[in-house]
Amino acid sequence: MLNTDQHNDNVAKNAIPMTVKNFKNNVRGCNGPGGGGGVDFDQEMLEKIFENIRDQEIVLPEEQKGRVEKFGNVWRKCRFFFTKISIFEQR
Protein backbone atom coordinates (compact mmCIF):
# COMPACT_ATOMS: atom_id res chain seq x y z
CA MET A 1 0.00 0.00 0.00
CA LEU A 2 2.73 2.48 0.96
CA ASN A 3 4.95 1.46 -1.95
CA THR A 4 2.07 2.03 -4.40
CA ASP A 5 1.18 5.36 -2.80
CA GLN A 6 4.74 6.63 -3.00
CA HIS A 7 5.86 5.26 -6.37
CA ASN A 8 3.00 4.26 -8.68
CA ASP A 9 2.35 6.64 -11.58
CA ASN A 10 -1.30 5.52 -11.68
CA VAL A 11 -2.04 7.10 -8.29
CA ALA A 12 -4.00 10.29 -8.86
CA LYS A 13 -1.62 13.21 -9.38
CA ASN A 14 -3.74 15.41 -7.14
CA ALA A 15 -3.67 12.88 -4.30
CA ILE A 16 -1.63 13.89 -1.29
CA PRO A 17 1.12 11.30 -0.67
CA MET A 18 0.86 9.28 2.51
CA THR A 19 2.78 10.69 5.46
CA VAL A 20 4.50 8.72 8.20
CA LYS A 21 1.58 9.64 10.47
CA ASN A 22 -0.92 8.23 7.93
CA PHE A 23 1.15 5.07 7.61
CA LYS A 24 1.25 4.56 11.38
CA ASN A 25 -2.50 5.10 11.61
CA ASN A 26 -3.09 2.50 8.87
CA VAL A 27 -1.34 -0.22 10.86
CA ARG A 28 -2.43 0.85 14.34
CA GLY A 29 -3.49 -2.12 16.45
CA CYS A 30 -2.46 -4.73 13.85
CA ASN A 31 0.31 -6.35 15.87
CA GLY A 32 -0.64 -9.52 17.65
CA PRO A 33 -2.17 -12.92 16.99
CA GLY A 34 -3.80 -13.07 13.58
CA GLY A 35 -2.78 -9.50 12.77
CA GLY A 36 -5.47 -8.00 14.95
CA GLY A 37 -4.18 -8.27 18.47
CA GLY A 38 -4.85 -4.62 19.23
CA VAL A 39 -1.17 -3.95 19.87
CA ASP A 40 0.76 -1.29 17.99
CA PHE A 41 4.02 -2.03 16.20
CA ASP A 42 7.16 -0.33 17.47
CA GLN A 43 6.87 3.29 16.30
CA GLU A 44 10.57 3.68 15.48
CA MET A 45 10.43 0.53 13.34
CA LEU A 46 7.42 1.92 11.44
CA GLU A 47 9.25 5.19 10.81
CA LYS A 48 12.26 3.29 9.41
CA ILE A 49 10.02 1.15 7.18
CA PHE A 50 8.25 4.27 5.91
CA GLU A 51 11.52 6.09 5.19
CA ASN A 52 13.04 3.10 3.40
CA ILE A 53 10.01 2.53 1.17
CA ARG A 54 9.61 6.25 0.50
CA ASP A 55 13.27 6.57 -0.49
CA GLN A 56 13.62 3.31 -2.42
CA GLU A 57 10.77 1.69 -4.32
CA ILE A 58 10.17 -2.03 -3.83
CA VAL A 59 10.26 -3.63 -7.27
CA LEU A 60 9.30 -7.29 -7.56
CA PRO A 61 11.39 -9.50 -9.85
CA GLU A 62 8.59 -9.88 -12.41
CA GLU A 63 8.29 -6.07 -12.64
CA GLN A 64 11.98 -5.42 -13.13
CA LYS A 65 13.61 -4.17 -16.26
CA GLY A 66 17.33 -4.18 -15.64
CA ARG A 67 17.04 -3.60 -11.89
CA VAL A 68 17.49 -7.13 -10.58
CA GLU A 69 20.52 -6.33 -8.45
CA LYS A 70 18.75 -3.32 -6.92
CA PHE A 71 15.88 -5.53 -5.73
CA GLY A 72 18.32 -8.07 -4.34
CA ASN A 73 20.03 -5.39 -2.27
CA VAL A 74 16.72 -4.05 -0.95
CA TRP A 75 15.56 -7.55 -0.05
CA ARG A 76 18.82 -8.28 1.77
CA LYS A 77 18.50 -5.01 3.71
CA CYS A 78 14.90 -5.83 4.69
CA ARG A 79 15.82 -9.33 5.83
CA PHE A 80 18.73 -7.96 7.88
CA PHE A 81 16.53 -5.26 9.43
CA PHE A 82 13.79 -7.70 10.45
CA THR A 83 16.24 -10.17 11.95
CA LYS A 84 17.52 -7.40 14.21
CA ILE A 85 14.09 -6.47 15.57
CA SER A 86 11.10 -8.34 16.83
CA ILE A 87 8.30 -7.92 14.30
CA PHE A 88 5.62 -9.09 16.69
CA GLU A 89 5.36 -8.13 20.30
CA GLN A 90 6.52 -10.97 22.50
CA ARG A 91 3.94 -12.16 25.00
PDB file of N, CA and C in Angstrom:
ATOM      1  N   MET A   1       0.824  -1.186   0.000  1.00  0.00           N
ATOM      2  CA  MET A   1       0.000   0.000   0.000  1.00  0.00           C
ATOM      3  C   MET A   1       0.878   1.264   0.000  1.00  0.00           C
ATOM      4  N   LEU A   2       1.845   1.313   0.900  1.00  0.00           N
ATOM      5  CA  LEU A   2       2.733   2.476   0.964  1.00  0.00           C
ATOM      6  C   LEU A   2       3.594   2.579  -0.290  1.00  0.00           C
ATOM      7  N   ASN A   3       4.115   1.459  -0.752  1.00  0.00           N
ATOM      8  CA  ASN A   3       4.947   1.459  -1.950  1.00  0.00           C
ATOM      9  C   ASN A   3       4.157   2.003  -3.142  1.00  0.00           C
ATOM     10  N   THR A   4       2.925   1.561  -3.300  1.00  0.00           N
ATOM     11  CA  THR A   4       2.072   2.034  -4.400  1.00  0.00           C
ATOM     12  C   THR A   4       1.802   3.526  -4.247  1.00  0.00           C
ATOM     13  N   ASP A   5       1.477   3.945  -3.046  1.00  0.00           N
ATOM     14  CA  ASP A   5       1.184   5.359  -2.797  1.00  0.00           C
ATOM     15  C   ASP A   5       2.371   6.247  -3.156  1.00  0.00           C
ATOM     16  N   GLN A   6       3.552   5.802  -2.817  1.00  0.00           N
ATOM     17  CA  GLN A   6       4.738   6.632  -2.999  1.00  0.00           C
ATOM     18  C   GLN A   6       5.316   6.578  -4.417  1.00  0.00           C
ATOM     19  N   HIS A   7       5.107   5.461  -5.130  1.00  0.00           N
ATOM     20  CA  HIS A   7       5.864   5.263  -6.366  1.00  0.00           C
ATOM     21  C   HIS A   7       5.054   4.952  -7.617  1.00  0.00           C
ATOM     22  N   ASN A   8       3.779   4.669  -7.511  1.00  0.00           N
ATOM     23  CA  ASN A   8       2.999   4.256  -8.677  1.00  0.00           C
ATOM     24  C   ASN A   8       2.489   5.469  -9.443  1.00  0.00           C
ATOM     25  N   ASP A   9       2.782   5.518 -10.738  1.00  0.00           N
ATOM     26  CA  ASP A   9       2.349   6.639 -11.575  1.00  0.00           C
ATOM     27  C   ASP A   9       0.840   6.679 -11.774  1.00  0.00           C
ATOM     28  N   ASN A  10       0.148   5.569 -11.500  1.00  0.00           N
ATOM     29  CA  ASN A  10      -1.297   5.523 -11.677  1.00  0.00           C
ATOM     30  C   ASN A  10      -2.074   6.128 -10.512  1.00  0.00           C
ATOM     31  N   VAL A  11      -1.386   6.425  -9.410  1.00  0.00           N
ATOM     32  CA  VAL A  11      -2.040   7.095  -8.290  1.00  0.00           C
ATOM     33  C   VAL A  11      -2.359   8.511  -8.741  1.00  0.00           C
ATOM     34  N   ALA A  12      -3.554   8.964  -8.416  1.00  0.00           N
ATOM     35  CA  ALA A  12      -3.998  10.289  -8.862  1.00  0.00           C
ATOM     36  C   ALA A  12      -2.948  11.350  -8.548  1.00  0.00           C
ATOM     37  N   LYS A  13      -2.648  12.172  -9.535  1.00  0.00           N
ATOM     38  CA  LYS A  13      -1.619  13.206  -9.377  1.00  0.00           C
ATOM     39  C   LYS A  13      -2.008  14.252  -8.337  1.00  0.00           C
ATOM     40  N   ASN A  14      -3.309  14.416  -8.121  1.00  0.00           N
ATOM     41  CA  ASN A  14      -3.744  15.410  -7.138  1.00  0.00           C
ATOM     42  C   ASN A  14      -3.873  14.816  -5.740  1.00  0.00           C
ATOM     43  N   ALA A  15      -3.605  13.513  -5.618  1.00  0.00           N
ATOM     44  CA  ALA A  15      -3.674  12.875  -4.305  1.00  0.00           C
ATOM     45  C   ALA A  15      -2.471  13.307  -3.459  1.00  0.00           C
ATOM     46  N   ILE A  16      -2.715  13.526  -2.201  1.00  0.00           N
ATOM     47  CA  ILE A  16      -1.630  13.892  -1.292  1.00  0.00           C
ATOM     48  C   ILE A  16      -0.925  12.608  -0.864  1.00  0.00           C
ATOM     49  N   PRO A  17       0.398  12.524  -1.051  1.00  0.00           N
ATOM     50  CA  PRO A  17       1.118  11.299  -0.670  1.00  0.00           C
ATOM     51  C   PRO A  17       0.965  10.998   0.824  1.00  0.00           C
ATOM     52  N   MET A  18       0.973   9.722   1.132  1.00  0.00           N
ATOM     53  CA  MET A  18       0.859   9.276   2.512  1.00  0.00           C
ATOM     54  C   MET A  18       2.032   9.818   3.325  1.00  0.00           C
ATOM     55  N   THR A  19       1.745  10.227   4.531  1.00  0.00           N
ATOM     56  CA  THR A  19       2.782  10.686   5.459  1.00  0.00           C
ATOM     57  C   THR A  19       3.094   9.559   6.433  1.00  0.00           C
ATOM     58  N   VAL A  20       4.163   9.725   7.196  1.00  0.00           N
ATOM     59  CA  VAL A  20       4.501   8.719   8.196  1.00  0.00           C
ATOM     60  C   VAL A  20       3.363   8.593   9.213  1.00  0.00           C
ATOM     61  N   LYS A  21       2.711   9.685   9.535  1.00  0.00           N
ATOM     62  CA  LYS A  21       1.578   9.642  10.471  1.00  0.00           C
ATOM     63  C   LYS A  21       0.424   8.818   9.877  1.00  0.00           C
ATOM     64  N   ASN A  22       0.120   9.022   8.593  1.00  0.00           N
ATOM     65  CA  ASN A  22      -0.921   8.233   7.927  1.00  0.00           C
ATOM     66  C   ASN A  22      -0.563   6.748   7.947  1.00  0.00           C
ATOM     67  N   PHE A  23       0.692   6.450   7.643  1.00  0.00           N
ATOM     68  CA  PHE A  23       1.154   5.068   7.614  1.00  0.00           C
ATOM     69  C   PHE A  23       0.986   4.411   8.980  1.00  0.00           C
ATOM     70  N   LYS A  24       1.393   5.101  10.027  1.00  0.00           N
ATOM     71  CA  LYS A  24       1.255   4.558  11.383  1.00  0.00           C
ATOM     72  C   LYS A  24      -0.214   4.335  11.737  1.00  0.00           C
ATOM     73  N   ASN A  25      -1.071   5.263  11.335  1.00  0.00           N
ATOM     74  CA  ASN A  25      -2.503   5.101  11.605  1.00  0.00           C
ATOM     75  C   ASN A  25      -3.079   3.899  10.870  1.00  0.00           C
ATOM     76  N   ASN A  26      -2.597   3.636   9.655  1.00  0.00           N
ATOM     77  CA  ASN A  26      -3.095   2.504   8.865  1.00  0.00           C
ATOM     78  C   ASN A  26      -2.799   1.157   9.514  1.00  0.00           C
ATOM     79  N   VAL A  27      -1.711   1.062  10.261  1.00  0.00           N
ATOM     80  CA  VAL A  27      -1.335  -0.222  10.862  1.00  0.00           C
ATOM     81  C   VAL A  27      -1.528  -0.229  12.381  1.00  0.00           C
ATOM     82  N   ARG A  28      -2.193   0.774  12.902  1.00  0.00           N
ATOM     83  CA  ARG A  28      -2.432   0.847  14.342  1.00  0.00           C
ATOM     84  C   ARG A  28      -3.248  -0.363  14.803  1.00  0.00           C
ATOM     85  N   GLY A  29      -2.768  -1.004  15.856  1.00  0.00           N
ATOM     86  CA  GLY A  29      -3.490  -2.119  16.453  1.00  0.00           C
ATOM     87  C   GLY A  29      -3.405  -3.429  15.690  1.00  0.00           C
ATOM     88  N   CYS A  30      -2.543  -3.511  14.689  1.00  0.00           N
ATOM     89  CA  CYS A  30      -2.456  -4.727  13.855  1.00  0.00           C
ATOM     90  C   CYS A  30      -1.451  -5.746  14.360  1.00  0.00           C
ATOM     91  N   ASN A  31      -0.695  -5.425  15.371  1.00  0.00           N
ATOM     92  CA  ASN A  31       0.308  -6.348  15.872  1.00  0.00           C
ATOM     93  C   ASN A  31      -0.332  -7.285  16.882  1.00  0.00           C
ATOM     94  N   GLY A  32      -0.093  -8.537  16.724  1.00  0.00           N
ATOM     95  CA  GLY A  32      -0.636  -9.524  17.648  1.00  0.00           C
ATOM     96  C   GLY A  32      -1.128 -10.743  16.912  1.00  0.00           C
ATOM     97  N   PRO A  33      -1.701 -11.678  17.619  1.00  0.00           N
ATOM     98  CA  PRO A  33      -2.175 -12.918  16.993  1.00  0.00           C
ATOM     99  C   PRO A  33      -3.163 -12.643  15.865  1.00  0.00           C
ATOM    100  N   GLY A  34      -2.899 -13.220  14.712  1.00  0.00           N
ATOM    101  CA  GLY A  34      -3.803 -13.069  13.580  1.00  0.00           C
ATOM    102  C   GLY A  34      -3.811 -11.684  12.977  1.00  0.00           C
ATOM    103  N   GLY A  35      -2.855 -10.838  13.333  1.00  0.00           N
ATOM    104  CA  GLY A  35      -2.778  -9.495  12.768  1.00  0.00           C
ATOM    105  C   GLY A  35      -3.808  -8.534  13.324  1.00  0.00           C
ATOM    106  N   GLY A  36      -4.474  -8.894  14.388  1.00  0.00           N
ATOM    107  CA  GLY A  36      -5.473  -8.002  14.950  1.00  0.00           C
ATOM    108  C   GLY A  36      -5.475  -8.021  16.461  1.00  0.00           C
ATOM    109  N   GLY A  37      -4.294  -8.131  17.033  1.00  0.00           N
ATOM    110  CA  GLY A  37      -4.181  -8.270  18.472  1.00  0.00           C
ATOM    111  C   GLY A  37      -4.379  -6.991  19.254  1.00  0.00           C
ATOM    112  N   GLY A  38      -4.622  -5.878  18.546  1.00  0.00           N
ATOM    113  CA  GLY A  38      -4.848  -4.622  19.232  1.00  0.00           C
ATOM    114  C   GLY A  38      -3.589  -3.975  19.782  1.00  0.00           C
ATOM    115  N   VAL A  39      -2.442  -4.484  19.400  1.00  0.00           N
ATOM    116  CA  VAL A  39      -1.172  -3.948  19.873  1.00  0.00           C
ATOM    117  C   VAL A  39      -0.500  -3.209  18.723  1.00  0.00           C
ATOM    118  N   ASP A  40       0.069  -2.061  19.022  1.00  0.00           N
ATOM    119  CA  ASP A  40       0.763  -1.288  17.991  1.00  0.00           C
ATOM    120  C   ASP A  40       2.171  -1.834  17.768  1.00  0.00           C
ATOM    121  N   PHE A  41       2.631  -1.714  16.515  1.00  0.00           N
ATOM    122  CA  PHE A  41       4.022  -2.026  16.201  1.00  0.00           C
ATOM    123  C   PHE A  41       4.908  -0.964  16.820  1.00  0.00           C
ATOM    124  N   ASP A  42       6.183  -1.289  16.978  1.00  0.00           N
ATOM    125  CA  ASP A  42       7.156  -0.331  17.467  1.00  0.00           C
ATOM    126  C   ASP A  42       7.172   0.888  16.532  1.00  0.00           C
ATOM    127  N   GLN A  43       7.004   2.072  17.098  1.00  0.00           N
ATOM    128  CA  GLN A  43       6.874   3.290  16.295  1.00  0.00           C
ATOM    129  C   GLN A  43       8.156   3.642  15.547  1.00  0.00           C
ATOM    130  N   GLU A  44       9.296   3.404  16.155  1.00  0.00           N
ATOM    131  CA  GLU A  44      10.573   3.676  15.479  1.00  0.00           C
ATOM    132  C   GLU A  44      10.744   2.743  14.278  1.00  0.00           C
ATOM    133  N   MET A  45      10.350   1.483  14.437  1.00  0.00           N
ATOM    134  CA  MET A  45      10.426   0.527  13.345  1.00  0.00           C
ATOM    135  C   MET A  45       9.542   0.986  12.184  1.00  0.00           C
ATOM    136  N   LEU A  46       8.322   1.446  12.487  1.00  0.00           N
ATOM    137  CA  LEU A  46       7.420   1.917  11.437  1.00  0.00           C
ATOM    138  C   LEU A  46       7.993   3.123  10.705  1.00  0.00           C
ATOM    139  N   GLU A  47       8.631   4.021  11.437  1.00  0.00           N
ATOM    140  CA  GLU A  47       9.255   5.189  10.805  1.00  0.00           C
ATOM    141  C   GLU A  47      10.362   4.755   9.843  1.00  0.00           C
ATOM    142  N   LYS A  48      11.168   3.788  10.260  1.00  0.00           N
ATOM    143  CA  LYS A  48      12.256   3.291   9.406  1.00  0.00           C
ATOM    144  C   LYS A  48      11.695   2.605   8.166  1.00  0.00           C
ATOM    145  N   ILE A  49      10.652   1.806   8.333  1.00  0.00           N
ATOM    146  CA  ILE A  49      10.019   1.151   7.183  1.00  0.00           C
ATOM    147  C   ILE A  49       9.496   2.207   6.222  1.00  0.00           C
ATOM    148  N   PHE A  50       8.792   3.206   6.747  1.00  0.00           N
ATOM    149  CA  PHE A  50       8.246   4.269   5.914  1.00  0.00           C
ATOM    150  C   PHE A  50       9.359   4.970   5.137  1.00  0.00           C
ATOM    151  N   GLU A  51      10.413   5.364   5.834  1.00  0.00           N
ATOM    152  CA  GLU A  51      11.517   6.092   5.193  1.00  0.00           C
ATOM    153  C   GLU A  51      12.178   5.250   4.101  1.00  0.00           C
ATOM    154  N   ASN A  52      12.388   3.969   4.381  1.00  0.00           N
ATOM    155  CA  ASN A  52      13.035   3.100   3.399  1.00  0.00           C
ATOM    156  C   ASN A  52      12.177   2.914   2.158  1.00  0.00           C
ATOM    157  N   ILE A  53      10.883   2.712   2.333  1.00  0.00           N
ATOM    158  CA  ILE A  53      10.007   2.529   1.174  1.00  0.00           C
ATOM    159  C   ILE A  53       9.831   3.840   0.426  1.00  0.00           C
ATOM    160  N   ARG A  54       9.724   4.935   1.149  1.00  0.00           N
ATOM    161  CA  ARG A  54       9.605   6.248   0.504  1.00  0.00           C
ATOM    162  C   ARG A  54      10.839   6.552  -0.347  1.00  0.00           C
ATOM    163  N   ASP A  55      12.011   6.223   0.183  1.00  0.00           N
ATOM    164  CA  ASP A  55      13.265   6.567  -0.488  1.00  0.00           C
ATOM    165  C   ASP A  55      13.679   5.573  -1.563  1.00  0.00           C
ATOM    166  N   GLN A  56      13.205   4.325  -1.455  1.00  0.00           N
ATOM    167  CA  GLN A  56      13.617   3.308  -2.419  1.00  0.00           C
ATOM    168  C   GLN A  56      12.445   2.372  -2.703  1.00  0.00           C
ATOM    169  N   GLU A  57      11.914   2.483  -3.906  1.00  0.00           N
ATOM    170  CA  GLU A  57      10.770   1.686  -4.321  1.00  0.00           C
ATOM    171  C   GLU A  57      11.062   0.189  -4.239  1.00  0.00           C
ATOM    172  N   ILE A  58      10.077  -0.574  -3.798  1.00  0.00           N
ATOM    173  CA  ILE A  58      10.170  -2.028  -3.826  1.00  0.00           C
ATOM    174  C   ILE A  58       9.707  -2.465  -5.207  1.00  0.00           C
ATOM    175  N   VAL A  59      10.583  -3.158  -5.925  1.00  0.00           N
ATOM    176  CA  VAL A  59      10.265  -3.630  -7.269  1.00  0.00           C
ATOM    177  C   VAL A  59      10.393  -5.147  -7.260  1.00  0.00           C
ATOM    178  N   LEU A  60       9.290  -5.833  -7.527  1.00  0.00           N
ATOM    179  CA  LEU A  60       9.296  -7.290  -7.556  1.00  0.00           C
ATOM    180  C   LEU A  60      10.036  -7.789  -8.791  1.00  0.00           C
ATOM    181  N   PRO A  61      10.609  -8.987  -8.711  1.00  0.00           N
ATOM    182  CA  PRO A  61      11.395  -9.503  -9.851  1.00  0.00           C
ATOM    183  C   PRO A  61      10.627  -9.484 -11.170  1.00  0.00           C
ATOM    184  N   GLU A  62       9.354  -9.841 -11.160  1.00  0.00           N
ATOM    185  CA  GLU A  62       8.593  -9.875 -12.415  1.00  0.00           C
ATOM    186  C   GLU A  62       8.296  -8.487 -12.979  1.00  0.00           C
ATOM    187  N   GLU A  63       8.508  -7.443 -12.191  1.00  0.00           N
ATOM    188  CA  GLU A  63       8.287  -6.066 -12.638  1.00  0.00           C
ATOM    189  C   GLU A  63       9.581  -5.396 -13.105  1.00  0.00           C
ATOM    190  N   GLN A  64      10.685  -6.048 -12.893  1.00  0.00           N
ATOM    191  CA  GLN A  64      11.979  -5.422 -13.134  1.00  0.00           C
ATOM    192  C   GLN A  64      12.351  -5.395 -14.595  1.00  0.00           C
ATOM    193  N   LYS A  65      13.037  -4.339 -14.928  1.00  0.00           N
ATOM    194  CA  LYS A  65      13.606  -4.174 -16.256  1.00  0.00           C
ATOM    195  C   LYS A  65      15.018  -3.657 -16.045  1.00  0.00           C
ATOM    196  N   GLY A  66      15.940  -4.574 -15.846  1.00  0.00           N
ATOM    197  CA  GLY A  66      17.334  -4.183 -15.645  1.00  0.00           C
ATOM    198  C   GLY A  66      17.661  -3.740 -14.239  1.00  0.00           C
ATOM    199  N   ARG A  67      16.783  -4.042 -13.263  1.00  0.00           N
ATOM    200  CA  ARG A  67      17.042  -3.604 -11.894  1.00  0.00           C
ATOM    201  C   ARG A  67      17.100  -4.782 -10.925  1.00  0.00           C
ATOM    202  N   VAL A  68      17.488  -5.929 -11.403  1.00  0.00           N
ATOM    203  CA  VAL A  68      17.487  -7.134 -10.578  1.00  0.00           C
ATOM    204  C   VAL A  68      18.392  -6.976  -9.364  1.00  0.00           C
ATOM    205  N   GLU A  69      19.597  -6.474  -9.572  1.00  0.00           N
ATOM    206  CA  GLU A  69      20.525  -6.329  -8.452  1.00  0.00           C
ATOM    207  C   GLU A  69      19.985  -5.352  -7.412  1.00  0.00           C
ATOM    208  N   LYS A  70      19.321  -4.295  -7.857  1.00  0.00           N
ATOM    209  CA  LYS A  70      18.748  -3.322  -6.922  1.00  0.00           C
ATOM    210  C   LYS A  70      17.748  -4.002  -6.005  1.00  0.00           C
ATOM    211  N   PHE A  71      16.866  -4.835  -6.556  1.00  0.00           N
ATOM    212  CA  PHE A  71      15.881  -5.534  -5.729  1.00  0.00           C
ATOM    213  C   PHE A  71      16.577  -6.454  -4.747  1.00  0.00           C
ATOM    214  N   GLY A  72      17.595  -7.166  -5.215  1.00  0.00           N
ATOM    215  CA  GLY A  72      18.320  -8.072  -4.336  1.00  0.00           C
ATOM    216  C   GLY A  72      18.903  -7.346  -3.143  1.00  0.00           C
ATOM    217  N   ASN A  73      19.460  -6.171  -3.367  1.00  0.00           N
ATOM    218  CA  ASN A  73      20.027  -5.389  -2.275  1.00  0.00           C
ATOM    219  C   ASN A  73      18.953  -4.925  -1.305  1.00  0.00           C
ATOM    220  N   VAL A  74      17.821  -4.496  -1.823  1.00  0.00           N
ATOM    221  CA  VAL A  74      16.719  -4.045  -0.955  1.00  0.00           C
ATOM    222  C   VAL A  74      16.224  -5.225  -0.130  1.00  0.00           C
ATOM    223  N   TRP A  75      16.051  -6.371  -0.759  1.00  0.00           N
ATOM    224  CA  TRP A  75      15.564  -7.554  -0.053  1.00  0.00           C
ATOM    225  C   TRP A  75      16.543  -7.963   1.038  1.00  0.00           C
ATOM    226  N   ARG A  76      17.832  -7.935   0.757  1.00  0.00           N
ATOM    227  CA  ARG A  76      18.822  -8.280   1.774  1.00  0.00           C
ATOM    228  C   ARG A  76      18.763  -7.295   2.938  1.00  0.00           C
ATOM    229  N   LYS A  77      18.594  -5.999   2.638  1.00  0.00           N
ATOM    230  CA  LYS A  77      18.503  -5.006   3.710  1.00  0.00           C
ATOM    231  C   LYS A  77      17.266  -5.247   4.570  1.00  0.00           C
ATOM    232  N   CYS A  78      16.137  -5.565   3.945  1.00  0.00           N
ATOM    233  CA  CYS A  78      14.899  -5.826   4.694  1.00  0.00           C
ATOM    234  C   CYS A  78      15.065  -7.047   5.594  1.00  0.00           C
ATOM    235  N   ARG A  79      15.625  -8.117   5.039  1.00  0.00           N
ATOM    236  CA  ARG A  79      15.825  -9.328   5.830  1.00  0.00           C
ATOM    237  C   ARG A  79      16.738  -9.057   7.014  1.00  0.00           C
ATOM    238  N   PHE A  80      17.808  -8.299   6.798  1.00  0.00           N
ATOM    239  CA  PHE A  80      18.728  -7.960   7.879  1.00  0.00           C
ATOM    240  C   PHE A  80      18.009  -7.141   8.947  1.00  0.00           C
ATOM    241  N   PHE A  81      17.239  -6.137   8.503  1.00  0.00           N
ATOM    242  CA  PHE A  81      16.530  -5.261   9.428  1.00  0.00           C
ATOM    243  C   PHE A  81      15.572  -6.067  10.307  1.00  0.00           C
ATOM    244  N   PHE A  82      14.794  -6.964   9.689  1.00  0.00           N
ATOM    245  CA  PHE A  82      13.786  -7.701  10.445  1.00  0.00           C
ATOM    246  C   PHE A  82      14.387  -8.790  11.322  1.00  0.00           C
ATOM    247  N   THR A  83      15.607  -9.218  11.045  1.00  0.00           N
ATOM    248  CA  THR A  83      16.240 -10.173  11.949  1.00  0.00           C
ATOM    249  C   THR A  83      16.787  -9.460  13.182  1.00  0.00           C
ATOM    250  N   LYS A  84      16.987  -8.159  13.088  1.00  0.00           N
ATOM    251  CA  LYS A  84      17.517  -7.395  14.211  1.00  0.00           C
ATOM    252  C   LYS A  84      16.430  -6.890  15.161  1.00  0.00           C
ATOM    253  N   ILE A  85      15.178  -6.950  14.731  1.00  0.00           N
ATOM    254  CA  ILE A  85      14.086  -6.467  15.573  1.00  0.00           C
ATOM    255  C   ILE A  85      13.057  -7.561  15.715  1.00  0.00           C
ATOM    256  N   SER A  86      12.217  -7.422  16.683  1.00  0.00           N
ATOM    257  CA  SER A  86      11.097  -8.343  16.831  1.00  0.00           C
ATOM    258  C   SER A  86       9.908  -7.748  16.095  1.00  0.00           C
ATOM    259  N   ILE A  87       9.425  -8.447  15.073  1.00  0.00           N
ATOM    260  CA  ILE A  87       8.302  -7.919  14.297  1.00  0.00           C
ATOM    261  C   ILE A  87       7.031  -7.928  15.131  1.00  0.00           C
ATOM    262  N   PHE A  88       6.822  -8.994  15.873  1.00  0.00           N
ATOM    263  CA  PHE A  88       5.622  -9.085  16.686  1.00  0.00           C
ATOM    264  C   PHE A  88       5.989  -8.974  18.155  1.00  0.00           C
ATOM    265  N   GLU A  89       5.162  -8.306  18.879  1.00  0.00           N
ATOM    266  CA  GLU A  89       5.363  -8.133  20.302  1.00  0.00           C
ATOM    267  C   GLU A  89       5.400  -9.501  20.967  1.00  0.00           C
ATOM    268  N   GLN A  90       6.409  -9.706  21.778  1.00  0.00           N
ATOM    269  CA  GLN A  90       6.521 -10.974  22.501  1.00  0.00           C
ATOM    270  C   GLN A  90       5.560 -10.965  23.675  1.00  0.00           C
ATOM    271  N   ARG A  91       4.896 -12.055  23.875  1.00  0.00           N
ATOM    272  CA  ARG A  91       3.940 -12.156  24.995  1.00  0.00           C
ATOM    273  C   ARG A  91       4.407 -13.177  25.970  1.00  0.00           C
TER     274      ARG A  91
END
